[in-house]
PDB file of N, CA and C in Angstrom:
ATOM      1  N   MET A   1       0.825  -1.195   0.000  1.00  0.00           N
ATOM      2  CA  MET A   1       0.000   0.000   0.000  1.00  0.00           C
ATOM      3  C   MET A   1       0.871   1.262   0.000  1.00  0.00           C
ATOM      4  N   ARG A   2       1.897   1.290   0.840  1.00  0.00           N
ATOM      5  CA  ARG A   2       2.800   2.446   0.878  1.00  0.00           C
ATOM      6  C   ARG A   2       3.490   2.637  -0.462  1.00  0.00           C
ATOM      7  N   TYR A   3       3.859   1.521  -1.081  1.00  0.00           N
ATOM      8  CA  TYR A   3       4.531   1.580  -2.374  1.00  0.00           C
ATOM      9  C   TYR A   3       3.637   2.258  -3.418  1.00  0.00           C
ATOM     10  N   LEU A   4       2.366   1.897  -3.454  1.00  0.00           N
ATOM     11  CA  LEU A   4       1.427   2.493  -4.408  1.00  0.00           C
ATOM     12  C   LEU A   4       1.236   3.989  -4.142  1.00  0.00           C
ATOM     13  N   ARG A   5       1.176   4.357  -2.901  1.00  0.00           N
ATOM     14  CA  ARG A   5       1.022   5.764  -2.538  1.00  0.00           C
ATOM     15  C   ARG A   5       2.260   6.560  -2.981  1.00  0.00           C
ATOM     16  N   ALA A   6       3.455   6.004  -2.746  1.00  0.00           N
ATOM     17  CA  ALA A   6       4.695   6.676  -3.149  1.00  0.00           C
ATOM     18  C   ALA A   6       4.763   6.818  -4.672  1.00  0.00           C
ATOM     19  N   VAL A   7       4.394   5.769  -5.391  1.00  0.00           N
ATOM     20  CA  VAL A   7       4.387   5.829  -6.854  1.00  0.00           C
ATOM     21  C   VAL A   7       3.383   6.876  -7.330  1.00  0.00           C
ATOM     22  N   GLY A   8       2.242   6.937  -6.708  1.00  0.00           N
ATOM     23  CA  GLY A   8       1.225   7.935  -7.073  1.00  0.00           C
ATOM     24  C   GLY A   8       1.722   9.355  -6.860  1.00  0.00           C
ATOM     25  N   LEU A   9       2.382   9.584  -5.741  1.00  0.00           N
ATOM     26  CA  LEU A   9       2.929  10.913  -5.469  1.00  0.00           C
ATOM     27  C   LEU A   9       4.006  11.291  -6.480  1.00  0.00           C
ATOM     28  N   VAL A  10       4.849  10.335  -6.831  1.00  0.00           N
ATOM     29  CA  VAL A  10       5.886  10.600  -7.836  1.00  0.00           C
ATOM     30  C   VAL A  10       5.246  10.931  -9.180  1.00  0.00           C
ATOM     31  N   LEU A  11       4.235  10.195  -9.569  1.00  0.00           N
ATOM     32  CA  LEU A  11       3.560  10.454 -10.844  1.00  0.00           C
ATOM     33  C   LEU A  11       2.877  11.818 -10.862  1.00  0.00           C
ATOM     34  N   VAL A  12       2.216  12.174  -9.782  1.00  0.00           N
ATOM     35  CA  VAL A  12       1.560  13.480  -9.693  1.00  0.00           C
ATOM     36  C   VAL A  12       2.599  14.596  -9.751  1.00  0.00           C
ATOM     37  N   GLY A  13       3.688  14.448  -9.003  1.00  0.00           N
ATOM     38  CA  GLY A  13       4.758  15.451  -9.014  1.00  0.00           C
ATOM     39  C   GLY A  13       5.368  15.606 -10.393  1.00  0.00           C
ATOM     40  N   THR A  14       5.584  14.498 -11.076  1.00  0.00           N
ATOM     41  CA  THR A  14       6.149  14.537 -12.428  1.00  0.00           C
ATOM     42  C   THR A  14       5.196  15.241 -13.391  1.00  0.00           C
ATOM     43  N   ALA A  15       3.916  14.949 -13.290  1.00  0.00           N
ATOM     44  CA  ALA A  15       2.932  15.589 -14.168  1.00  0.00           C
ATOM     45  C   ALA A  15       2.864  17.093 -13.919  1.00  0.00           C
ATOM     46  N   LEU A  16       2.898  17.508 -12.654  1.00  0.00           N
ATOM     47  CA  LEU A  16       2.877  18.942 -12.334  1.00  0.00           C
ATOM     48  C   LEU A  16       4.128  19.638 -12.855  1.00  0.00           C
ATOM     49  N   LEU A  17       5.276  19.020 -12.702  1.00  0.00           N
ATOM     50  CA  LEU A  17       6.521  19.596 -13.189  1.00  0.00           C
ATOM     51  C   LEU A  17       6.501  19.720 -14.705  1.00  0.00           C
ATOM     52  N   ALA A  18       6.046  18.692 -15.391  1.00  0.00           N
ATOM     53  CA  ALA A  18       5.980  18.727 -16.861  1.00  0.00           C
ATOM     54  C   ALA A  18       5.035  19.822 -17.332  1.00  0.00           C
ATOM     55  N   GLY A  19       3.902  19.970 -16.675  1.00  0.00           N
ATOM     56  CA  GLY A  19       2.952  21.022 -17.045  1.00  0.00           C
ATOM     57  C   GLY A  19       3.530  22.407 -16.835  1.00  0.00           C
ATOM     58  N   SER A  20       4.235  22.597 -15.732  1.00  0.00           N
ATOM     59  CA  SER A  20       4.851  23.895 -15.453  1.00  0.00           C
ATOM     60  C   SER A  20       5.923  24.226 -16.475  1.00  0.00           C
ATOM     61  N   LEU A  21       6.745  23.245 -16.814  1.00  0.00           N
ATOM     62  CA  LEU A  21       7.796  23.471 -17.806  1.00  0.00           C
ATOM     63  C   LEU A  21       7.210  23.786 -19.176  1.00  0.00           C
ATOM     64  N   THR A  22       6.136  23.097 -19.547  1.00  0.00           N
ATOM     65  CA  THR A  22       5.491  23.343 -20.832  1.00  0.00           C
ATOM     66  C   THR A  22       4.916  24.754 -20.881  1.00  0.00           C
ATOM     67  N   ALA A  23       4.243  25.176 -19.822  1.00  0.00           N
ATOM     68  CA  ALA A  23       3.665  26.526 -19.787  1.00  0.00           C
ATOM     69  C   ALA A  23       4.752  27.589 -19.834  1.00  0.00           C
ATOM     70  N   GLY A  24       5.832  27.403 -19.078  1.00  0.00           N
ATOM     71  CA  GLY A  24       6.938  28.356 -19.083  1.00  0.00           C
ATOM     72  C   GLY A  24       7.610  28.427 -20.433  1.00  0.00           C
ATOM     73  N   ASN A  25       7.801  27.282 -21.072  1.00  0.00           N
ATOM     74  CA  ASN A  25       8.425  27.246 -22.392  1.00  0.00           C
ATOM     75  C   ASN A  25       7.537  27.945 -23.412  1.00  0.00           C
ATOM     76  N   GLN A  26       6.232  27.741 -23.319  1.00  0.00           N
ATOM     77  CA  GLN A  26       5.305  28.410 -24.248  1.00  0.00           C
ATOM     78  C   GLN A  26       5.391  29.918 -24.101  1.00  0.00           C
ATOM     79  N   TRP A  27       5.460  30.411 -22.853  1.00  0.00           N
ATOM     80  CA  TRP A  27       5.563  31.861 -22.656  1.00  0.00           C
ATOM     81  C   TRP A  27       6.864  32.388 -23.230  1.00  0.00           C
ATOM     82  N   LEU A  28       7.960  31.671 -23.007  1.00  0.00           N
ATOM     83  CA  LEU A  28       9.246  32.143 -23.486  1.00  0.00           C
ATOM     84  C   LEU A  28       9.327  32.173 -25.004  1.00  0.00           C
ATOM     85  N   THR A  29       8.638  31.244 -25.670  1.00  0.00           N
ATOM     86  CA  THR A  29       8.685  31.219 -27.127  1.00  0.00           C
ATOM     87  C   THR A  29       7.579  32.062 -27.746  1.00  0.00           C
ATOM     88  N   ASP A  30       6.605  32.482 -26.976  1.00  0.00           N
ATOM     89  CA  ASP A  30       5.472  33.244 -27.499  1.00  0.00           C
ATOM     90  C   ASP A  30       5.795  34.730 -27.475  1.00  0.00           C
ATOM     91  N   ARG A  31       6.574  35.156 -28.446  1.00  0.00           N
ATOM     92  CA  ARG A  31       6.963  36.562 -28.529  1.00  0.00           C
ATOM     93  C   ARG A  31       6.467  37.186 -29.820  1.00  0.00           C
ATOM     94  N   ASP A  32       5.398  36.654 -30.350  1.00  0.00           N
ATOM     95  CA  ASP A  32       4.887  37.206 -31.589  1.00  0.00           C
ATOM     96  C   ASP A  32       3.586  37.950 -31.343  1.00  0.00           C
ATOM     97  N   ALA A  33       3.297  38.855 -32.248  1.00  0.00           N
ATOM     98  CA  ALA A  33       2.059  39.643 -32.174  1.00  0.00           C
ATOM     99  C   ALA A  33       1.587  39.896 -33.586  1.00  0.00           C
ATOM    100  N   THR A  34       0.302  40.087 -33.744  1.00  0.00           N
ATOM    101  CA  THR A  34      -0.288  40.424 -35.033  1.00  0.00           C
ATOM    102  C   THR A  34      -1.029  41.738 -34.884  1.00  0.00           C
ATOM    103  N   SER A  35      -0.790  42.646 -35.819  1.00  0.00           N
ATOM    104  CA  SER A  35      -1.431  43.965 -35.778  1.00  0.00           C
ATOM    105  C   SER A  35      -1.951  44.346 -37.148  1.00  0.00           C
ATOM    106  N   GLU A  36      -2.945  45.215 -37.143  1.00  0.00           N
ATOM    107  CA  GLU A  36      -3.495  45.757 -38.380  1.00  0.00           C
ATOM    108  C   GLU A  36      -2.534  46.782 -38.968  1.00  0.00           C
ATOM    109  N   VAL A  37      -2.414  46.750 -40.283  1.00  0.00           N
ATOM    110  CA  VAL A  37      -1.553  47.700 -40.983  1.00  0.00           C
ATOM    111  C   VAL A  37      -2.348  48.959 -41.289  1.00  0.00           C
ATOM    112  N   ASP A  38      -1.750  50.109 -41.055  1.00  0.00           N
ATOM    113  CA  ASP A  38      -2.344  51.393 -41.427  1.00  0.00           C
ATOM    114  C   ASP A  38      -2.274  51.498 -42.954  1.00  0.00           C
ATOM    115  N   GLY A  39      -3.414  51.560 -43.594  1.00  0.00           N
ATOM    116  CA  GLY A  39      -3.468  51.563 -45.054  1.00  0.00           C
ATOM    117  C   GLY A  39      -2.808  52.758 -45.712  1.00  0.00           C
ATOM    118  N   THR A  40      -2.742  53.879 -45.035  1.00  0.00           N
ATOM    119  CA  THR A  40      -2.141  55.063 -45.658  1.00  0.00           C
ATOM    120  C   THR A  40      -0.621  55.045 -45.600  1.00  0.00           C
ATOM    121  N   THR A  41      -0.058  54.448 -44.542  1.00  0.00           N
ATOM    122  CA  THR A  41       1.404  54.420 -44.413  1.00  0.00           C
ATOM    123  C   THR A  41       1.990  53.040 -44.715  1.00  0.00           C
ATOM    124  N   ASP A  42       1.134  52.026 -44.857  1.00  0.00           N
ATOM    125  CA  ASP A  42       1.564  50.652 -45.095  1.00  0.00           C
ATOM    126  C   ASP A  42       2.519  50.169 -43.998  1.00  0.00           C
ATOM    127  N   SER A  43       2.184  50.518 -42.753  1.00  0.00           N
ATOM    128  CA  SER A  43       3.006  50.118 -41.607  1.00  0.00           C
ATOM    129  C   SER A  43       2.132  50.053 -40.358  1.00  0.00           C
ATOM    130  N   VAL A  44       2.718  49.524 -39.287  1.00  0.00           N
ATOM    131  CA  VAL A  44       2.060  49.520 -37.980  1.00  0.00           C
ATOM    132  C   VAL A  44       2.694  50.648 -37.172  1.00  0.00           C
ATOM    133  N   PRO A  45       1.879  51.543 -36.613  1.00  0.00           N
ATOM    134  CA  PRO A  45       2.435  52.661 -35.841  1.00  0.00           C
ATOM    135  C   PRO A  45       3.327  52.169 -34.695  1.00  0.00           C
ATOM    136  N   ARG A  46       4.389  52.915 -34.444  1.00  0.00           N
ATOM    137  CA  ARG A  46       5.337  52.501 -33.403  1.00  0.00           C
ATOM    138  C   ARG A  46       4.694  52.421 -32.027  1.00  0.00           C
ATOM    139  N   ALA A  47       3.668  53.221 -31.771  1.00  0.00           N
ATOM    140  CA  ALA A  47       2.981  53.155 -30.475  1.00  0.00           C
ATOM    141  C   ALA A  47       2.273  51.807 -30.306  1.00  0.00           C
ATOM    142  N   GLU A  48       1.710  51.255 -31.378  1.00  0.00           N
ATOM    143  CA  GLU A  48       1.054  49.947 -31.333  1.00  0.00           C
ATOM    144  C   GLU A  48       2.084  48.839 -31.093  1.00  0.00           C
ATOM    145  N   VAL A  49       3.219  48.913 -31.770  1.00  0.00           N
ATOM    146  CA  VAL A  49       4.288  47.926 -31.576  1.00  0.00           C
ATOM    147  C   VAL A  49       4.776  47.982 -30.123  1.00  0.00           C
ATOM    148  N   ALA A  50       4.996  49.181 -29.610  1.00  0.00           N
ATOM    149  CA  ALA A  50       5.471  49.354 -28.234  1.00  0.00           C
ATOM    150  C   ALA A  50       4.457  48.808 -27.231  1.00  0.00           C
ATOM    151  N   ARG A  51       3.174  49.048 -27.464  1.00  0.00           N
ATOM    152  CA  ARG A  51       2.126  48.549 -26.565  1.00  0.00           C
ATOM    153  C   ARG A  51       2.122  47.024 -26.540  1.00  0.00           C
ATOM    154  N   SER A  52       2.258  46.429 -27.706  1.00  0.00           N
ATOM    155  CA  SER A  52       2.265  44.978 -27.802  1.00  0.00           C
ATOM    156  C   SER A  52       3.458  44.378 -27.062  1.00  0.00           C
ATOM    157  N   ILE A  53       4.633  44.937 -27.267  1.00  0.00           N
ATOM    158  CA  ILE A  53       5.839  44.439 -26.602  1.00  0.00           C
ATOM    159  C   ILE A  53       5.727  44.618 -25.094  1.00  0.00           C
ATOM    160  N   SER A  54       5.235  45.746 -24.661  1.00  0.00           N
ATOM    161  CA  SER A  54       5.075  45.996 -23.233  1.00  0.00           C
ATOM    162  C   SER A  54       4.172  44.941 -22.609  1.00  0.00           C
ATOM    163  N   GLY A  55       3.119  44.556 -23.325  1.00  0.00           N
ATOM    164  CA  GLY A  55       2.224  43.508 -22.838  1.00  0.00           C
ATOM    165  C   GLY A  55       2.930  42.169 -22.690  1.00  0.00           C
ATOM    166  N   HIS A  56       3.779  41.821 -23.652  1.00  0.00           N
ATOM    167  CA  HIS A  56       4.523  40.564 -23.572  1.00  0.00           C
ATOM    168  C   HIS A  56       5.493  40.564 -22.398  1.00  0.00           C
ATOM    169  N   LEU A  57       6.149  41.694 -22.163  1.00  0.00           N
ATOM    170  CA  LEU A  57       7.157  41.762 -21.108  1.00  0.00           C
ATOM    171  C   LEU A  57       6.550  41.899 -19.718  1.00  0.00           C
ATOM    172  N   SER A  58       5.244  42.087 -19.637  1.00  0.00           N
ATOM    173  CA  SER A  58       4.576  42.268 -18.349  1.00  0.00           C
ATOM    174  C   SER A  58       3.828  41.023 -17.898  1.00  0.00           C
ATOM    175  N   LEU A  59       4.099  39.891 -18.519  1.00  0.00           N
ATOM    176  CA  LEU A  59       3.428  38.656 -18.136  1.00  0.00           C
ATOM    177  C   LEU A  59       3.881  38.207 -16.751  1.00  0.00           C
ATOM    178  N   PRO A  60       3.130  37.318 -16.112  1.00  0.00           N
ATOM    179  CA  PRO A  60       3.417  36.923 -14.727  1.00  0.00           C
ATOM    180  C   PRO A  60       4.820  36.380 -14.477  1.00  0.00           C
ATOM    181  N   VAL A  61       5.484  35.825 -15.482  1.00  0.00           N
ATOM    182  CA  VAL A  61       6.828  35.291 -15.249  1.00  0.00           C
ATOM    183  C   VAL A  61       7.778  36.413 -14.865  1.00  0.00           C
ATOM    184  N   ILE A  62       7.581  37.592 -15.454  1.00  0.00           N
ATOM    185  CA  ILE A  62       8.380  38.761 -15.101  1.00  0.00           C
ATOM    186  C   ILE A  62       7.479  39.632 -14.226  1.00  0.00           C
ATOM    187  N   LEU A  63       7.749  39.648 -12.949  1.00  0.00           N
ATOM    188  CA  LEU A  63       6.831  40.285 -12.017  1.00  0.00           C
ATOM    189  C   LEU A  63       6.660  41.776 -12.270  1.00  0.00           C
ATOM    190  N   ARG A  64       7.700  42.428 -12.659  1.00  0.00           N
ATOM    191  CA  ARG A  64       7.604  43.861 -12.915  1.00  0.00           C
ATOM    192  C   ARG A  64       8.027  44.132 -14.345  1.00  0.00           C
ATOM    193  N   GLY A  65       7.047  44.388 -15.180  1.00  0.00           N
ATOM    194  CA  GLY A  65       7.340  44.683 -16.567  1.00  0.00           C
ATOM    195  C   GLY A  65       7.910  46.088 -16.693  1.00  0.00           C
ATOM    196  N   PRO A  66       8.170  46.499 -17.917  1.00  0.00           N
ATOM    197  CA  PRO A  66       8.724  47.831 -18.131  1.00  0.00           C
ATOM    198  C   PRO A  66       7.697  48.906 -17.806  1.00  0.00           C
ATOM    199  N   ARG A  67       8.186  50.079 -17.395  1.00  0.00           N
ATOM    200  CA  ARG A  67       7.238  51.180 -17.159  1.00  0.00           C
ATOM    201  C   ARG A  67       6.827  51.797 -18.484  1.00  0.00           C
ATOM    202  N   SER A  68       7.682  51.640 -19.522  1.00  0.00           N
ATOM    203  CA  SER A  68       7.311  52.083 -20.870  1.00  0.00           C
ATOM    204  C   SER A  68       8.213  51.402 -21.891  1.00  0.00           C
ATOM    205  N   VAL A  69       7.759  51.411 -23.144  1.00  0.00           N
ATOM    206  CA  VAL A  69       8.536  50.901 -24.265  1.00  0.00           C
ATOM    207  C   VAL A  69       8.451  51.936 -25.371  1.00  0.00           C
ATOM    208  N   ASP A  70       9.597  52.233 -25.980  1.00  0.00           N
ATOM    209  CA  ASP A  70       9.653  53.170 -27.105  1.00  0.00           C
ATOM    210  C   ASP A  70      10.255  52.464 -28.308  1.00  0.00           C
ATOM    211  N   CYS A  71       9.731  52.758 -29.485  1.00  0.00           N
ATOM    212  CA  CYS A  71      10.288  52.229 -30.729  1.00  0.00           C
ATOM    213  C   CYS A  71      10.726  53.409 -31.584  1.00  0.00           C
ATOM    214  N   THR A  72      11.797  53.208 -32.365  1.00  0.00           N
ATOM    215  CA  THR A  72      12.393  54.318 -33.111  1.00  0.00           C
ATOM    216  C   THR A  72      11.545  54.793 -34.280  1.00  0.00           C
ATOM    217  N   ARG A  73      10.737  53.902 -34.854  1.00  0.00           N
ATOM    218  CA  ARG A  73       9.898  54.292 -36.001  1.00  0.00           C
ATOM    219  C   ARG A  73       8.772  53.282 -36.165  1.00  0.00           C
ATOM    220  N   ASP A  74       7.865  53.548 -37.086  1.00  0.00           N
ATOM    221  CA  ASP A  74       6.796  52.609 -37.409  1.00  0.00           C
ATOM    222  C   ASP A  74       7.397  51.349 -38.022  1.00  0.00           C
ATOM    223  N   LEU A  75       6.672  50.245 -37.944  1.00  0.00           N
ATOM    224  CA  LEU A  75       7.131  48.966 -38.478  1.00  0.00           C
ATOM    225  C   LEU A  75       6.483  48.735 -39.838  1.00  0.00           C
ATOM    226  N   ARG A  76       7.303  48.720 -40.881  1.00  0.00           N
ATOM    227  CA  ARG A  76       6.799  48.563 -42.251  1.00  0.00           C
ATOM    228  C   ARG A  76       6.225  47.171 -42.476  1.00  0.00           C
ATOM    229  N   ALA A  77       5.211  47.085 -43.313  1.00  0.00           N
ATOM    230  CA  ALA A  77       4.550  45.818 -43.617  1.00  0.00           C
ATOM    231  C   ALA A  77       5.283  45.084 -44.734  1.00  0.00           C
ATOM    232  N   VAL A  78       6.539  44.737 -44.471  1.00  0.00           N
ATOM    233  CA  VAL A  78       7.383  44.010 -45.413  1.00  0.00           C
ATOM    234  C   VAL A  78       8.078  42.906 -44.635  1.00  0.00           C
ATOM    235  N   LYS A  79       7.973  41.666 -45.099  1.00  0.00           N
ATOM    236  CA  LYS A  79       8.623  40.566 -44.394  1.00  0.00           C
ATOM    237  C   LYS A  79      10.121  40.859 -44.275  1.00  0.00           C
ATOM    238  N   GLY A  80      10.640  40.725 -43.070  1.00  0.00           N
ATOM    239  CA  GLY A  80      12.044  40.990 -42.800  1.00  0.00           C
ATOM    240  C   GLY A  80      12.324  42.408 -42.322  1.00  0.00           C
ATOM    241  N   ALA A  81      11.348  43.316 -42.445  1.00  0.00           N
ATOM    242  CA  ALA A  81      11.542  44.686 -41.948  1.00  0.00           C
ATOM    243  C   ALA A  81      11.727  44.626 -40.431  1.00  0.00           C
ATOM    244  N   TRP A  82      12.478  45.560 -39.882  1.00  0.00           N
ATOM    245  CA  TRP A  82      12.734  45.554 -38.448  1.00  0.00           C
ATOM    246  C   TRP A  82      12.767  46.974 -37.903  1.00  0.00           C
ATOM    247  N   VAL A  83      12.640  47.047 -36.583  1.00  0.00           N
ATOM    248  CA  VAL A  83      12.731  48.317 -35.873  1.00  0.00           C
ATOM    249  C   VAL A  83      13.356  48.035 -34.503  1.00  0.00           C
ATOM    250  N   HIS A  84      14.111  48.996 -34.008  1.00  0.00           N
ATOM    251  CA  HIS A  84      14.724  48.866 -32.680  1.00  0.00           C
ATOM    252  C   HIS A  84      13.796  49.494 -31.647  1.00  0.00           C
ATOM    253  N   CYS A  85      13.578  48.777 -30.544  1.00  0.00           N
ATOM    254  CA  CYS A  85      12.746  49.288 -29.451  1.00  0.00           C
ATOM    255  C   CYS A  85      13.532  49.194 -28.145  1.00  0.00           C
ATOM    256  N   THR A  86      13.163  50.031 -27.195  1.00  0.00           N
ATOM    257  CA  THR A  86      13.804  50.047 -25.890  1.00  0.00           C
ATOM    258  C   THR A  86      12.744  49.953 -24.803  1.00  0.00           C
ATOM    259  N   ALA A  87      12.941  49.003 -23.885  1.00  0.00           N
ATOM    260  CA  ALA A  87      12.067  48.862 -22.718  1.00  0.00           C
ATOM    261  C   ALA A  87      12.719  49.615 -21.569  1.00  0.00           C
ATOM    262  N   HIS A  88      11.959  50.517 -20.948  1.00  0.00           N
ATOM    263  CA  HIS A  88      12.456  51.330 -19.832  1.00  0.00           C
ATOM    264  C   HIS A  88      11.880  50.775 -18.528  1.00  0.00           C
ATOM    265  N   TYR A  89      12.769  50.266 -17.672  1.00  0.00           N
ATOM    266  CA  TYR A  89      12.366  49.695 -16.391  1.00  0.00           C
ATOM    267  C   TYR A  89      12.621  50.696 -15.262  1.00  0.00           C
ATOM    268  N   LEU A  90      12.072  50.370 -14.104  1.00  0.00           N
ATOM    269  CA  LEU A  90      12.331  51.183 -12.922  1.00  0.00           C
ATOM    270  C   LEU A  90      13.823  51.168 -12.618  1.00  0.00           C
ATOM    271  N   ARG A  91      14.267  52.099 -11.841  1.00  0.00           N
ATOM    272  CA  ARG A  91      15.680  52.247 -11.477  1.00  0.00           C
ATOM    273  C   ARG A  91      16.537  52.674 -12.665  1.00  0.00           C
ATOM    274  N   GLY A  92      15.927  53.192 -13.718  1.00  0.00           N
ATOM    275  CA  GLY A  92      16.688  53.722 -14.845  1.00  0.00           C
ATOM    276  C   GLY A  92      17.312  52.678 -15.744  1.00  0.00           C
ATOM    277  N   THR A  93      16.882  51.445 -15.644  1.00  0.00           N
ATOM    278  CA  THR A  93      17.432  50.376 -16.470  1.00  0.00           C
ATOM    279  C   THR A  93      16.712  50.350 -17.816  1.00  0.00           C
ATOM    280  N   ASP A  94      17.471  50.377 -18.903  1.00  0.00           N
ATOM    281  CA  ASP A  94      16.907  50.288 -20.251  1.00  0.00           C
ATOM    282  C   ASP A  94      17.409  49.018 -20.919  1.00  0.00           C
ATOM    283  N   ARG A  95      16.533  48.360 -21.658  1.00  0.00           N
ATOM    284  CA  ARG A  95      16.890  47.144 -22.391  1.00  0.00           C
ATOM    285  C   ARG A  95      16.427  47.298 -23.838  1.00  0.00           C
ATOM    286  N   GLY A  96      17.363  47.142 -24.753  1.00  0.00           N
ATOM    287  CA  GLY A  96      17.030  47.241 -26.169  1.00  0.00           C
ATOM    288  C   GLY A  96      16.631  45.894 -26.741  1.00  0.00           C
ATOM    289  N   MET A  97      15.887  45.924 -27.834  1.00  0.00           N
ATOM    290  CA  MET A  97      15.480  44.703 -28.530  1.00  0.00           C
ATOM    291  C   MET A  97      15.155  45.030 -29.980  1.00  0.00           C
ATOM    292  N   THR A  98      15.174  44.025 -30.800  1.00  0.00           N
ATOM    293  CA  THR A  98      14.833  44.179 -32.206  1.00  0.00           C
ATOM    294  C   THR A  98      13.492  43.522 -32.461  1.00  0.00           C
ATOM    295  N   VAL A  99      12.624  44.206 -33.198  1.00  0.00           N
ATOM    296  CA  VAL A  99      11.324  43.674 -33.583  1.00  0.00           C
ATOM    297  C   VAL A  99      11.379  43.449 -35.094  1.00  0.00           C
ATOM    298  N   ARG A 100      11.018  42.232 -35.527  1.00  0.00           N
ATOM    299  CA  ARG A 100      11.150  41.870 -36.928  1.00  0.00           C
ATOM    300  C   ARG A 100       9.833  41.306 -37.467  1.00  0.00           C
ATOM    301  N   VAL A 101       9.462  41.707 -38.692  1.00  0.00           N
ATOM    302  CA  VAL A 101       8.254  41.206 -39.350  1.00  0.00           C
ATOM    303  C   VAL A 101       8.534  39.801 -39.885  1.00  0.00           C
ATOM    304  N   VAL A 102       7.663  38.847 -39.519  1.00  0.00           N
ATOM    305  CA  VAL A 102       7.839  37.471 -39.984  1.00  0.00           C
ATOM    306  C   VAL A 102       6.761  37.042 -40.974  1.00  0.00           C
ATOM    307  N   ARG A 103       5.628  37.765 -41.030  1.00  0.00           N
ATOM    308  CA  ARG A 103       4.565  37.392 -41.966  1.00  0.00           C
ATOM    309  C   ARG A 103       3.712  38.610 -42.295  1.00  0.00           C
ATOM    310  N   VAL A 104       3.347  38.723 -43.555  1.00  0.00           N
ATOM    311  CA  VAL A 104       2.439  39.773 -44.007  1.00  0.00           C
ATOM    312  C   VAL A 104       1.292  39.072 -44.722  1.00  0.00           C
ATOM    313  N   ARG A 105       0.069  39.294 -44.250  1.00  0.00           N
ATOM    314  CA  ARG A 105      -1.118  38.689 -44.870  1.00  0.00           C
ATOM    315  C   ARG A 105      -2.216  39.718 -44.924  1.00  0.00           C
ATOM    316  N   GLY A 106      -2.564  40.112 -46.122  1.00  0.00           N
ATOM    317  CA  GLY A 106      -3.629  41.095 -46.281  1.00  0.00           C
ATOM    318  C   GLY A 106      -3.310  42.366 -45.534  1.00  0.00           C
ATOM    319  N   GLY A 107      -4.193  42.766 -44.651  1.00  0.00           N
ATOM    320  CA  GLY A 107      -4.006  43.993 -43.889  1.00  0.00           C
ATOM    321  C   GLY A 107      -3.394  43.772 -42.521  1.00  0.00           C
ATOM    322  N   GLN A 108      -2.756  42.617 -42.309  1.00  0.00           N
ATOM    323  CA  GLN A 108      -2.156  42.328 -41.012  1.00  0.00           C
ATOM    324  C   GLN A 108      -0.708  41.881 -41.174  1.00  0.00           C
ATOM    325  N   ILE A 109       0.101  42.197 -40.156  1.00  0.00           N
ATOM    326  CA  ILE A 109       1.461  41.672 -40.104  1.00  0.00           C
ATOM    327  C   ILE A 109       1.665  40.980 -38.768  1.00  0.00           C
ATOM    328  N   THR A 110       2.512  39.969 -38.787  1.00  0.00           N
ATOM    329  CA  THR A 110       2.921  39.286 -37.568  1.00  0.00           C
ATOM    330  C   THR A 110       4.393  39.597 -37.377  1.00  0.00           C
ATOM    331  N   TYR A 111       4.728  39.979 -36.165  1.00  0.00           N
ATOM    332  CA  TYR A 111       6.108  40.346 -35.862  1.00  0.00           C
ATOM    333  C   TYR A 111       6.531  39.719 -34.546  1.00  0.00           C
ATOM    334  N   VAL A 112       7.850  39.540 -34.394  1.00  0.00           N
ATOM    335  CA  VAL A 112       8.410  38.944 -33.185  1.00  0.00           C
ATOM    336  C   VAL A 112       9.477  39.890 -32.639  1.00  0.00           C
ATOM    337  N   HIS A 113       9.724  39.752 -31.354  1.00  0.00           N
ATOM    338  CA  HIS A 113      10.811  40.525 -30.744  1.00  0.00           C
ATOM    339  C   HIS A 113      11.760  39.573 -30.048  1.00  0.00           C
ATOM    340  N   ASP A 114      13.030  39.917 -30.045  1.00  0.00           N
ATOM    341  CA  ASP A 114      13.984  39.116 -29.301  1.00  0.00           C
ATOM    342  C   ASP A 114      13.898  39.491 -27.825  1.00  0.00           C
ATOM    343  N   ALA A 115      14.598  38.754 -26.997  1.00  0.00           N
ATOM    344  CA  ALA A 115      14.592  39.047 -25.572  1.00  0.00           C
ATOM    345  C   ALA A 115      15.304  40.370 -25.323  1.00  0.00           C
ATOM    346  N   PRO A 116      14.816  41.170 -24.390  1.00  0.00           N
ATOM    347  CA  PRO A 116      15.501  42.426 -24.090  1.00  0.00           C
ATOM    348  C   PRO A 116      16.944  42.156 -23.686  1.00  0.00           C
ATOM    349  N   HIS A 117      17.872  42.885 -24.274  1.00  0.00           N
ATOM    350  CA  HIS A 117      19.283  42.707 -23.960  1.00  0.00           C
ATOM    351  C   HIS A 117      19.873  44.000 -23.430  1.00  0.00           C
ATOM    352  N   ARG A 118      20.974  43.865 -22.764  1.00  0.00           N
ATOM    353  CA  ARG A 118      21.617  45.024 -22.135  1.00  0.00           C
ATOM    354  C   ARG A 118      22.390  45.819 -23.132  1.00  0.00           C
TER     355      ARG A 118
END
């Protein structure tokens, strides 16, 4: 009886650990966003890109997200186009990152950002 209980606890612990690792891995790899393209400029406004990135960096894994994110320019609706953005954290810490377009479909683009670097 004790043996079965111990095996059950090990199985439950293993399942919980696997689920936690899967969820954490999904968050770490989920750095993409899709936005509507402004038809007059054929790009996504930099404020929209910054808002999206700020949302990604403020997820529960990172307890304190950036207080703001700035991007140098609008993101053109061309696959491979990129823009540099900076996340501004408390204590005056800034982290730069690159945002790159990975897909353009109709009036929407999908873009990804790398991890904020020093």
